[in-house]
All heavy atoms as atom14 arrays in JSON, in Angstrom:
{
  "sequence": "VLVPAADTDALAAAVASLIQRPGQRRELTQRARRRAMGLPTA",
  "atom14_mask": [
    [1, 1, 1, 1, 1, 1, 1, 0, 0, 0, 0, 0, 0, 0],
    [1, 1, 1, 1, 1, 1, 1, 1, 0, 0, 0, 0, 0, 0],
    [1, 1, 1, 1, 1, 1, 1, 0, 0, 0, 0, 0, 0, 0],
    [1, 1, 1, 1, 1, 1, 1, 0, 0, 0, 0, 0, 0, 0],
    [1, 1, 1, 1, 1, 0, 0, 0, 0, 0, 0, 0, 0, 0],
    [1, 1, 1, 1, 1, 0, 0, 0, 0, 0, 0, 0, 0, 0],
    [1, 1, 1, 1, 1, 1, 1, 1, 0, 0, 0, 0, 0, 0],
    [1, 1, 1, 1, 1, 1, 1, 0, 0, 0, 0, 0, 0, 0],
    [1, 1, 1, 1, 1, 1, 1, 1, 0, 0, 0, 0, 0, 0],
    [1, 1, 1, 1, 1, 0, 0, 0, 0, 0, 0, 0, 0, 0],
    [1, 1, 1, 1, 1, 1, 1, 1, 0, 0, 0, 0, 0, 0],
    [1, 1, 1, 1, 1, 0, 0, 0, 0, 0, 0, 0, 0, 0],
    [1, 1, 1, 1, 1, 0, 0, 0, 0, 0, 0, 0, 0, 0],
    [1, 1, 1, 1, 1, 0, 0, 0, 0, 0, 0, 0, 0, 0],
    [1, 1, 1, 1, 1, 1, 1, 0, 0, 0, 0, 0, 0, 0],
    [1, 1, 1, 1, 1, 0, 0, 0, 0, 0, 0, 0, 0, 0],
    [1, 1, 1, 1, 1, 1, 0, 0, 0, 0, 0, 0, 0, 0],
    [1, 1, 1, 1, 1, 1, 1, 1, 0, 0, 0, 0, 0, 0],
    [1, 1, 1, 1, 1, 1, 1, 1, 0, 0, 0, 0, 0, 0],
    [1, 1, 1, 1, 1, 1, 1, 1, 1, 0, 0, 0, 0, 0],
    [1, 1, 1, 1, 1, 1, 1, 1, 1, 1, 1, 0, 0, 0],
    [1, 1, 1, 1, 1, 1, 1, 0, 0, 0, 0, 0, 0, 0],
    [1, 1, 1, 1, 0, 0, 0, 0, 0, 0, 0, 0, 0, 0],
    [1, 1, 1, 1, 1, 1, 1, 1, 1, 0, 0, 0, 0, 0],
    [1, 1, 1, 1, 1, 1, 1, 1, 1, 1, 1, 0, 0, 0],
    [1, 1, 1, 1, 1, 1, 1, 1, 1, 1, 1, 0, 0, 0],
    [1, 1, 1, 1, 1, 1, 1, 1, 1, 0, 0, 0, 0, 0],
    [1, 1, 1, 1, 1, 1, 1, 1, 0, 0, 0, 0, 0, 0],
    [1, 1, 1, 1, 1, 1, 1, 0, 0, 0, 0, 0, 0, 0],
    [1, 1, 1, 1, 1, 1, 1, 1, 1, 0, 0, 0, 0, 0],
    [1, 1, 1, 1, 1, 1, 1, 1, 1, 1, 1, 0, 0, 0],
    [1, 1, 1, 1, 1, 0, 0, 0, 0, 0, 0, 0, 0, 0],
    [1, 1, 1, 1, 1, 1, 1, 1, 1, 1, 1, 0, 0, 0],
    [1, 1, 1, 1, 1, 1, 1, 1, 1, 1, 1, 0, 0, 0],
    [1, 1, 1, 1, 1, 1, 1, 1, 1, 1, 1, 0, 0, 0],
    [1, 1, 1, 1, 1, 0, 0, 0, 0, 0, 0, 0, 0, 0],
    [1, 1, 1, 1, 1, 1, 1, 1, 0, 0, 0, 0, 0, 0],
    [1, 1, 1, 1, 0, 0, 0, 0, 0, 0, 0, 0, 0, 0],
    [1, 1, 1, 1, 1, 1, 1, 1, 0, 0, 0, 0, 0, 0],
    [1, 1, 1, 1, 1, 1, 1, 0, 0, 0, 0, 0, 0, 0],
    [1, 1, 1, 1, 1, 1, 1, 0, 0, 0, 0, 0, 0, 0],
    [1, 1, 1, 1, 1, 0, 0, 0, 0, 0, 0, 0, 0, 0]
  ],
  "atom14_positions": [
    [[0.88, -1.13, 0.0], [-0.01, 0.0, -0.04], [0.88, 1.18, 0.02], [1.74, 1.39, 0.95], [-0.93, 0.02, 1.22], [-1.77, 1.25, 1.21], [-1.84, -1.21, 1.27], [0.0, 0.0, 0.0], [0.0, 0.0, 0.0], [0.0, 0.0, 0.0], [0.0, 0.0, 0.0], [0.0, 0.0, 0.0], [0.0, 0.0, 0.0], [0.0, 0.0, 0.0]],
    [[0.79, 2.05, -1.02], [1.63, 3.28, -1.16], [0.79, 4.56, -0.78], [-0.32, 4.65, -1.17], [2.18, 3.37, -2.54], [3.09, 2.23, -3.0], [3.68, 2.49, -4.35], [4.24, 2.03, -1.99], [0.0, 0.0, 0.0], [0.0, 0.0, 0.0], [0.0, 0.0, 0.0], [0.0, 0.0, 0.0], [0.0, 0.0, 0.0], [0.0, 0.0, 0.0]],
    [[1.48, 5.41, -0.03], [0.81, 6.65, 0.39], [1.73, 7.87, 0.08], [2.92, 7.68, -0.11], [0.55, 6.63, 1.94], [-0.47, 5.54, 2.24], [1.78, 6.51, 2.74], [0.0, 0.0, 0.0], [0.0, 0.0, 0.0], [0.0, 0.0, 0.0], [0.0, 0.0, 0.0], [0.0, 0.0, 0.0], [0.0, 0.0, 0.0], [0.0, 0.0, 0.0]],
    [[1.21, 9.04, 0.02], [2.05, 10.2, -0.24], [3.07, 10.39, 0.9], [2.75, 10.13, 2.06], [1.08, 11.35, -0.37], [-0.27, 10.77, -0.63], [-0.2, 9.41, 0.08], [0.0, 0.0, 0.0], [0.0, 0.0, 0.0], [0.0, 0.0, 0.0], [0.0, 0.0, 0.0], [0.0, 0.0, 0.0], [0.0, 0.0, 0.0], [0.0, 0.0, 0.0]],
    [[4.25, 10.94, 0.57], [5.19, 11.27, 1.68], [4.67, 12.44, 2.52], [3.96, 13.3, 2.03], [6.57, 11.63, 1.01], [0.0, 0.0, 0.0], [0.0, 0.0, 0.0], [0.0, 0.0, 0.0], [0.0, 0.0, 0.0], [0.0, 0.0, 0.0], [0.0, 0.0, 0.0], [0.0, 0.0, 0.0], [0.0, 0.0, 0.0], [0.0, 0.0, 0.0]],
    [[5.04, 12.4, 3.78], [4.73, 13.44, 4.76], [3.24, 13.62, 4.97], [2.85, 14.77, 5.35], [5.4, 14.76, 4.31], [0.0, 0.0, 0.0], [0.0, 0.0, 0.0], [0.0, 0.0, 0.0], [0.0, 0.0, 0.0], [0.0, 0.0, 0.0], [0.0, 0.0, 0.0], [0.0, 0.0, 0.0], [0.0, 0.0, 0.0], [0.0, 0.0, 0.0]],
    [[2.45, 12.63, 4.75], [0.99, 12.71, 4.9], [0.64, 11.8, 6.1], [0.44, 10.6, 5.96], [0.32, 12.23, 3.61], [-1.17, 12.53, 3.63], [-1.75, 12.5, 4.73], [-1.74, 12.71, 2.53], [0.0, 0.0, 0.0], [0.0, 0.0, 0.0], [0.0, 0.0, 0.0], [0.0, 0.0, 0.0], [0.0, 0.0, 0.0], [0.0, 0.0, 0.0]],
    [[0.49, 12.41, 7.24], [0.18, 11.67, 8.47], [-1.14, 10.99, 8.37], [-1.32, 9.78, 8.78], [0.18, 12.63, 9.71], [1.46, 13.2, 9.78], [-0.13, 11.84, 10.97], [0.0, 0.0, 0.0], [0.0, 0.0, 0.0], [0.0, 0.0, 0.0], [0.0, 0.0, 0.0], [0.0, 0.0, 0.0], [0.0, 0.0, 0.0], [0.0, 0.0, 0.0]],
    [[-2.14, 11.67, 7.83], [-3.49, 11.05, 7.75], [-3.52, 9.82, 6.88], [-4.11, 8.8, 7.26], [-4.5, 12.06, 7.23], [-4.75, 13.23, 8.15], [-4.51, 13.04, 9.37], [-5.18, 14.3, 7.72], [0.0, 0.0, 0.0], [0.0, 0.0, 0.0], [0.0, 0.0, 0.0], [0.0, 0.0, 0.0], [0.0, 0.0, 0.0], [0.0, 0.0, 0.0]],
    [[-2.81, 9.89, 5.71], [-2.82, 8.79, 4.75], [-2.08, 7.58, 5.37], [-2.5, 6.38, 5.2], [-2.2, 9.21, 3.47], [0.0, 0.0, 0.0], [0.0, 0.0, 0.0], [0.0, 0.0, 0.0], [0.0, 0.0, 0.0], [0.0, 0.0, 0.0], [0.0, 0.0, 0.0], [0.0, 0.0, 0.0], [0.0, 0.0, 0.0], [0.0, 0.0, 0.0]],
    [[-0.96, 7.89, 6.01], [-0.23, 6.77, 6.59], [-1.02, 6.12, 7.75], [-1.07, 4.9, 7.8], [1.13, 7.31, 7.17], [2.09, 6.33, 7.88], [2.61, 5.31, 6.78], [3.24, 7.04, 8.53], [0.0, 0.0, 0.0], [0.0, 0.0, 0.0], [0.0, 0.0, 0.0], [0.0, 0.0, 0.0], [0.0, 0.0, 0.0], [0.0, 0.0, 0.0]],
    [[-1.63, 6.9, 8.6], [-2.4, 6.42, 9.75], [-3.54, 5.51, 9.22], [-3.84, 4.45, 9.72], [-2.85, 7.49, 10.61], [0.0, 0.0, 0.0], [0.0, 0.0, 0.0], [0.0, 0.0, 0.0], [0.0, 0.0, 0.0], [0.0, 0.0, 0.0], [0.0, 0.0, 0.0], [0.0, 0.0, 0.0], [0.0, 0.0, 0.0], [0.0, 0.0, 0.0]],
    [[-4.21, 6.01, 8.18], [-5.41, 5.28, 7.69], [-4.98, 3.97, 7.06], [-5.64, 2.98, 7.22], [-6.18, 6.16, 6.68], [0.0, 0.0, 0.0], [0.0, 0.0, 0.0], [0.0, 0.0, 0.0], [0.0, 0.0, 0.0], [0.0, 0.0, 0.0], [0.0, 0.0, 0.0], [0.0, 0.0, 0.0], [0.0, 0.0, 0.0], [0.0, 0.0, 0.0]],
    [[-3.91, 3.99, 6.28], [-3.47, 2.79, 5.56], [-3.06, 1.69, 6.51], [-3.44, 0.53, 6.37], [-2.35, 3.15, 4.6], [0.0, 0.0, 0.0], [0.0, 0.0, 0.0], [0.0, 0.0, 0.0], [0.0, 0.0, 0.0], [0.0, 0.0, 0.0], [0.0, 0.0, 0.0], [0.0, 0.0, 0.0], [0.0, 0.0, 0.0], [0.0, 0.0, 0.0]],
    [[-2.31, 2.07, 7.52], [-1.82, 1.01, 8.52], [-3.01, 0.53, 9.33], [-3.2, -0.65, 9.56], [-0.8, 1.61, 9.39], [-0.44, 0.64, 10.55], [0.53, 1.95, 8.65], [0.0, 0.0, 0.0], [0.0, 0.0, 0.0], [0.0, 0.0, 0.0], [0.0, 0.0, 0.0], [0.0, 0.0, 0.0], [0.0, 0.0, 0.0], [0.0, 0.0, 0.0]],
    [[-3.91, 1.4, 9.75], [-5.03, 1.01, 10.53], [-5.96, 0.09, 9.78], [-6.48, -0.89, 10.31], [-5.86, 2.22, 11.0], [0.0, 0.0, 0.0], [0.0, 0.0, 0.0], [0.0, 0.0, 0.0], [0.0, 0.0, 0.0], [0.0, 0.0, 0.0], [0.0, 0.0, 0.0], [0.0, 0.0, 0.0], [0.0, 0.0, 0.0], [0.0, 0.0, 0.0]],
    [[-6.12, 0.3, 8.46], [-6.94, -0.55, 7.63], [-6.36, -1.96, 7.55], [-7.05, -2.97, 7.7], [-7.03, 0.05, 6.22], [-7.69, -0.87, 5.3], [0.0, 0.0, 0.0], [0.0, 0.0, 0.0], [0.0, 0.0, 0.0], [0.0, 0.0, 0.0], [0.0, 0.0, 0.0], [0.0, 0.0, 0.0], [0.0, 0.0, 0.0], [0.0, 0.0, 0.0]],
    [[-5.01, -2.08, 7.44], [-4.39, -3.39, 7.37], [-4.5, -4.13, 8.75], [-4.75, -5.34, 8.8], [-2.92, -3.27, 6.99], [-2.64, -3.0, 5.55], [-1.14, -2.86, 5.33], [-3.18, -4.12, 4.66], [0.0, 0.0, 0.0], [0.0, 0.0, 0.0], [0.0, 0.0, 0.0], [0.0, 0.0, 0.0], [0.0, 0.0, 0.0], [0.0, 0.0, 0.0]],
    [[-4.34, -3.41, 9.76], [-4.38, -4.0, 11.16], [-5.78, -4.58, 11.39], [-5.99, -5.67, 12.02], [-4.04, -3.01, 12.23], [-2.58, -2.53, 12.16], [-4.32, -3.6, 13.62], [-1.57, -3.72, 12.31], [0.0, 0.0, 0.0], [0.0, 0.0, 0.0], [0.0, 0.0, 0.0], [0.0, 0.0, 0.0], [0.0, 0.0, 0.0], [0.0, 0.0, 0.0]],
    [[-6.81, -3.91, 10.94], [-8.2, -4.25, 11.16], [-8.77, -5.24, 10.11], [-9.86, -5.73, 10.31], [-9.09, -3.0, 11.18], [-8.74, -2.06, 12.39], [-9.46, -0.76, 12.26], [-9.46, -0.08, 11.23], [-10.14, -0.37, 13.38], [0.0, 0.0, 0.0], [0.0, 0.0, 0.0], [0.0, 0.0, 0.0], [0.0, 0.0, 0.0], [0.0, 0.0, 0.0]],
    [[-8.0, -5.5, 9.08], [-8.52, -6.36, 7.98], [-7.53, -7.5, 7.72], [-6.62, -7.37, 6.83], [-8.79, -5.59, 6.74], [-9.92, -4.56, 6.9], [-10.06, -3.68, 5.64], [-11.25, -2.87, 5.67], [-11.38, -1.76, 6.37], [-10.4, -1.3, 7.07], [-12.54, -1.08, 6.39], [0.0, 0.0, 0.0], [0.0, 0.0, 0.0], [0.0, 0.0, 0.0]],
    [[-7.65, -8.62, 8.41], [-6.75, -9.73, 8.18], [-6.72, -10.23, 6.76], [-5.69, -10.65, 6.23], [-7.23, -10.77, 9.14], [-7.98, -10.07, 10.16], [-8.6, -8.87, 9.51], [0.0, 0.0, 0.0], [0.0, 0.0, 0.0], [0.0, 0.0, 0.0], [0.0, 0.0, 0.0], [0.0, 0.0, 0.0], [0.0, 0.0, 0.0], [0.0, 0.0, 0.0]],
    [[-7.88, -10.22, 6.12], [-7.9, -10.64, 4.71], [-7.07, -9.84, 3.78], [-6.45, -10.3, 2.84], [0.0, 0.0, 0.0], [0.0, 0.0, 0.0], [0.0, 0.0, 0.0], [0.0, 0.0, 0.0], [0.0, 0.0, 0.0], [0.0, 0.0, 0.0], [0.0, 0.0, 0.0], [0.0, 0.0, 0.0], [0.0, 0.0, 0.0], [0.0, 0.0, 0.0]],
    [[-7.03, -8.52, 4.01], [-6.21, -7.6, 3.2], [-4.76, -7.93, 3.49], [-3.91, -7.9, 2.53], [-6.55, -6.16, 3.55], [-5.83, -5.14, 2.66], [-6.17, -3.66, 3.02], [-6.79, -3.45, 4.06], [-5.7, -2.75, 2.26], [0.0, 0.0, 0.0], [0.0, 0.0, 0.0], [0.0, 0.0, 0.0], [0.0, 0.0, 0.0], [0.0, 0.0, 0.0]],
    [[-4.37, -8.24, 4.74], [-3.0, -8.6, 5.05], [-2.64, -9.85, 4.33], [-1.51, -10.03, 3.8], [-2.81, -8.7, 6.56], [-2.98, -7.4, 7.29], [-2.24, -7.42, 8.64], [-2.56, -8.54, 9.46], [-3.56, -8.53, 10.34], [-4.41, -7.45, 10.41], [-3.82, -9.57, 11.1], [0.0, 0.0, 0.0], [0.0, 0.0, 0.0], [0.0, 0.0, 0.0]],
    [[-3.51, -10.85, 4.32], [-3.24, -12.11, 3.65], [-2.99, -11.92, 2.19], [-2.16, -12.51, 1.52], [-4.31, -13.13, 3.93], [-4.34, -13.7, 5.31], [-5.25, -14.93, 5.4], [-6.6, -14.55, 5.23], [-7.48, -14.21, 6.21], [-7.08, -14.16, 7.44], [-8.77, -13.9, 5.94], [0.0, 0.0, 0.0], [0.0, 0.0, 0.0], [0.0, 0.0, 0.0]],
    [[-3.82, -11.07, 1.53], [-3.65, -10.8, 0.12], [-2.3, -10.15, -0.13], [-1.59, -10.5, -1.1], [-4.75, -9.88, -0.37], [-4.66, -9.4, -1.81], [-4.7, -10.53, -2.84], [-5.2, -11.63, -2.55], [-4.14, -10.31, -3.93], [0.0, 0.0, 0.0], [0.0, 0.0, 0.0], [0.0, 0.0, 0.0], [0.0, 0.0, 0.0], [0.0, 0.0, 0.0]],
    [[-1.89, -9.18, 0.64], [-0.62, -8.53, 0.48], [0.56, -9.52, 0.72], [1.57, -9.42, 0.05], [-0.49, -7.35, 1.37], [-1.13, -6.06, 0.93], [-0.94, -4.96, 1.99], [-0.57, -5.6, -0.44], [0.0, 0.0, 0.0], [0.0, 0.0, 0.0], [0.0, 0.0, 0.0], [0.0, 0.0, 0.0], [0.0, 0.0, 0.0], [0.0, 0.0, 0.0]],
    [[0.34, -10.4, 1.67], [1.35, -11.51, 1.87], [1.6, -12.29, 0.59], [2.75, -12.56, 0.24], [0.97, -12.41, 3.02], [1.11, -11.67, 4.24], [1.87, -13.6, 3.17], [0.0, 0.0, 0.0], [0.0, 0.0, 0.0], [0.0, 0.0, 0.0], [0.0, 0.0, 0.0], [0.0, 0.0, 0.0], [0.0, 0.0, 0.0], [0.0, 0.0, 0.0]],
    [[0.49, -12.71, -0.02], [0.63, -13.51, -1.26], [1.32, -12.69, -2.39], [2.18, -13.21, -3.14], [-0.75, -13.97, -1.71], [-1.38, -14.98, -0.79], [-2.85, -15.24, -1.12], [-3.4, -14.63, -2.05], [-3.45, -16.05, -0.31], [0.0, 0.0, 0.0], [0.0, 0.0, 0.0], [0.0, 0.0, 0.0], [0.0, 0.0, 0.0], [0.0, 0.0, 0.0]],
    [[0.9, -11.46, -2.51], [1.48, -10.57, -3.47], [3.02, -10.35, -3.23], [3.82, -10.32, -4.16], [0.8, -9.23, -3.57], [-0.64, -9.28, -4.13], [-1.21, -7.92, -4.2], [-2.62, -7.95, -4.58], [-3.37, -6.9, -4.88], [-2.83, -5.66, -4.7], [-4.6, -7.01, -5.24], [0.0, 0.0, 0.0], [0.0, 0.0, 0.0], [0.0, 0.0, 0.0]],
    [[3.34, -10.16, -1.97], [4.75, -9.91, -1.62], [5.58, -11.14, -2.05], [6.68, -10.96, -2.58], [4.87, -9.66, -0.1], [0.0, 0.0, 0.0], [0.0, 0.0, 0.0], [0.0, 0.0, 0.0], [0.0, 0.0, 0.0], [0.0, 0.0, 0.0], [0.0, 0.0, 0.0], [0.0, 0.0, 0.0], [0.0, 0.0, 0.0], [0.0, 0.0, 0.0]],
    [[5.12, -12.33, -1.74], [5.93, -13.51, -2.11], [6.08, -13.66, -3.61], [7.12, -14.05, -4.08], [5.28, -14.71, -1.46], [5.47, -14.77, 0.05], [4.7, -15.89, 0.71], [5.0, -15.94, 2.13], [4.2, -16.48, 3.05], [3.03, -17.04, 2.7], [4.54, -16.49, 4.33], [0.0, 0.0, 0.0], [0.0, 0.0, 0.0], [0.0, 0.0, 0.0]],
    [[5.0, -13.35, -4.34], [5.14, -13.39, -5.82], [6.12, -12.35, -6.27], [6.96, -12.63, -7.19], [3.76, -13.17, -6.45], [2.76, -14.29, -6.3], [1.67, -14.18, -7.36], [0.81, -12.98, -7.05], [-0.23, -12.93, -6.33], [-0.65, -14.07, -5.68], [-0.96, -11.84, -6.21], [0.0, 0.0, 0.0], [0.0, 0.0, 0.0], [0.0, 0.0, 0.0]],
    [[6.05, -11.14, -5.77], [6.93, -10.07, -6.2], [8.44, -10.45, -5.85], [9.35, -10.2, -6.62], [6.56, -8.75, -5.56], [7.57, -7.61, -5.85], [7.64, -7.35, -7.32], [8.66, -6.27, -7.68], [9.52, -6.34, -8.63], [9.59, -7.47, -9.41], [10.38, -5.37, -8.89], [0.0, 0.0, 0.0], [0.0, 0.0, 0.0], [0.0, 0.0, 0.0]],
    [[8.61, -11.07, -4.71], [10.0, -11.43, -4.26], [10.58, -12.4, -5.23], [11.83, -12.3, -5.43], [9.91, -12.02, -2.83], [0.0, 0.0, 0.0], [0.0, 0.0, 0.0], [0.0, 0.0, 0.0], [0.0, 0.0, 0.0], [0.0, 0.0, 0.0], [0.0, 0.0, 0.0], [0.0, 0.0, 0.0], [0.0, 0.0, 0.0], [0.0, 0.0, 0.0]],
    [[9.84, -13.21, -5.81], [10.44, -14.19, -6.82], [10.97, -13.48, -8.03], [11.83, -14.05, -8.69], [9.31, -15.17, -7.24], [8.86, -16.07, -6.11], [7.49, -17.15, -6.6], [8.28, -18.17, -7.88], [0.0, 0.0, 0.0], [0.0, 0.0, 0.0], [0.0, 0.0, 0.0], [0.0, 0.0, 0.0], [0.0, 0.0, 0.0], [0.0, 0.0, 0.0]],
    [[10.5, -12.27, -8.33], [11.0, -11.53, -9.49], [12.11, -10.57, -9.18], [12.58, -9.8, -10.04], [0.0, 0.0, 0.0], [0.0, 0.0, 0.0], [0.0, 0.0, 0.0], [0.0, 0.0, 0.0], [0.0, 0.0, 0.0], [0.0, 0.0, 0.0], [0.0, 0.0, 0.0], [0.0, 0.0, 0.0], [0.0, 0.0, 0.0], [0.0, 0.0, 0.0]],
    [[12.54, -10.43, -7.92], [13.56, -9.44, -7.55], [14.96, -9.99, -7.92], [15.16, -11.2, -7.89], [13.54, -9.2, -6.02], [12.32, -8.46, -5.5], [12.39, -8.36, -3.97], [12.11, -7.09, -6.14], [0.0, 0.0, 0.0], [0.0, 0.0, 0.0], [0.0, 0.0, 0.0], [0.0, 0.0, 0.0], [0.0, 0.0, 0.0], [0.0, 0.0, 0.0]],
    [[15.86, -9.12, -8.27], [17.2, -9.56, -8.59], [17.94, -10.11, -7.38], [17.78, -9.64, -6.28], [17.91, -8.23, -9.12], [17.14, -7.11, -8.42], [15.73, -7.62, -8.34], [0.0, 0.0, 0.0], [0.0, 0.0, 0.0], [0.0, 0.0, 0.0], [0.0, 0.0, 0.0], [0.0, 0.0, 0.0], [0.0, 0.0, 0.0], [0.0, 0.0, 0.0]],
    [[18.73, -11.18, -7.64], [19.52, -11.7, -6.51], [20.84, -10.95, -6.54], [21.19, -10.17, -7.48], [19.83, -13.19, -6.81], [20.54, -13.33, -8.03], [18.52, -13.96, -6.94], [0.0, 0.0, 0.0], [0.0, 0.0, 0.0], [0.0, 0.0, 0.0], [0.0, 0.0, 0.0], [0.0, 0.0, 0.0], [0.0, 0.0, 0.0], [0.0, 0.0, 0.0]],
    [[21.68, -11.23, -5.52], [22.97, -10.61, -5.47], [23.81, -10.98, -6.61], [24.6, -10.14, -7.19], [23.69, -10.99, -4.18], [0.0, 0.0, 0.0], [0.0, 0.0, 0.0], [0.0, 0.0, 0.0], [0.0, 0.0, 0.0], [0.0, 0.0, 0.0], [0.0, 0.0, 0.0], [0.0, 0.0, 0.0], [0.0, 0.0, 0.0], [0.0, 0.0, 0.0]]
  ]
}
């Protein structure tokens, strides 16, 4: 989840949404693992 820099309200809302929504966290977990497979190795 990307938010504008120096925006306290946007940061607070985005994190609170994830904390309160386990399903959203699970979806991001799956996306993170897929994205990690495409990252360059050392």
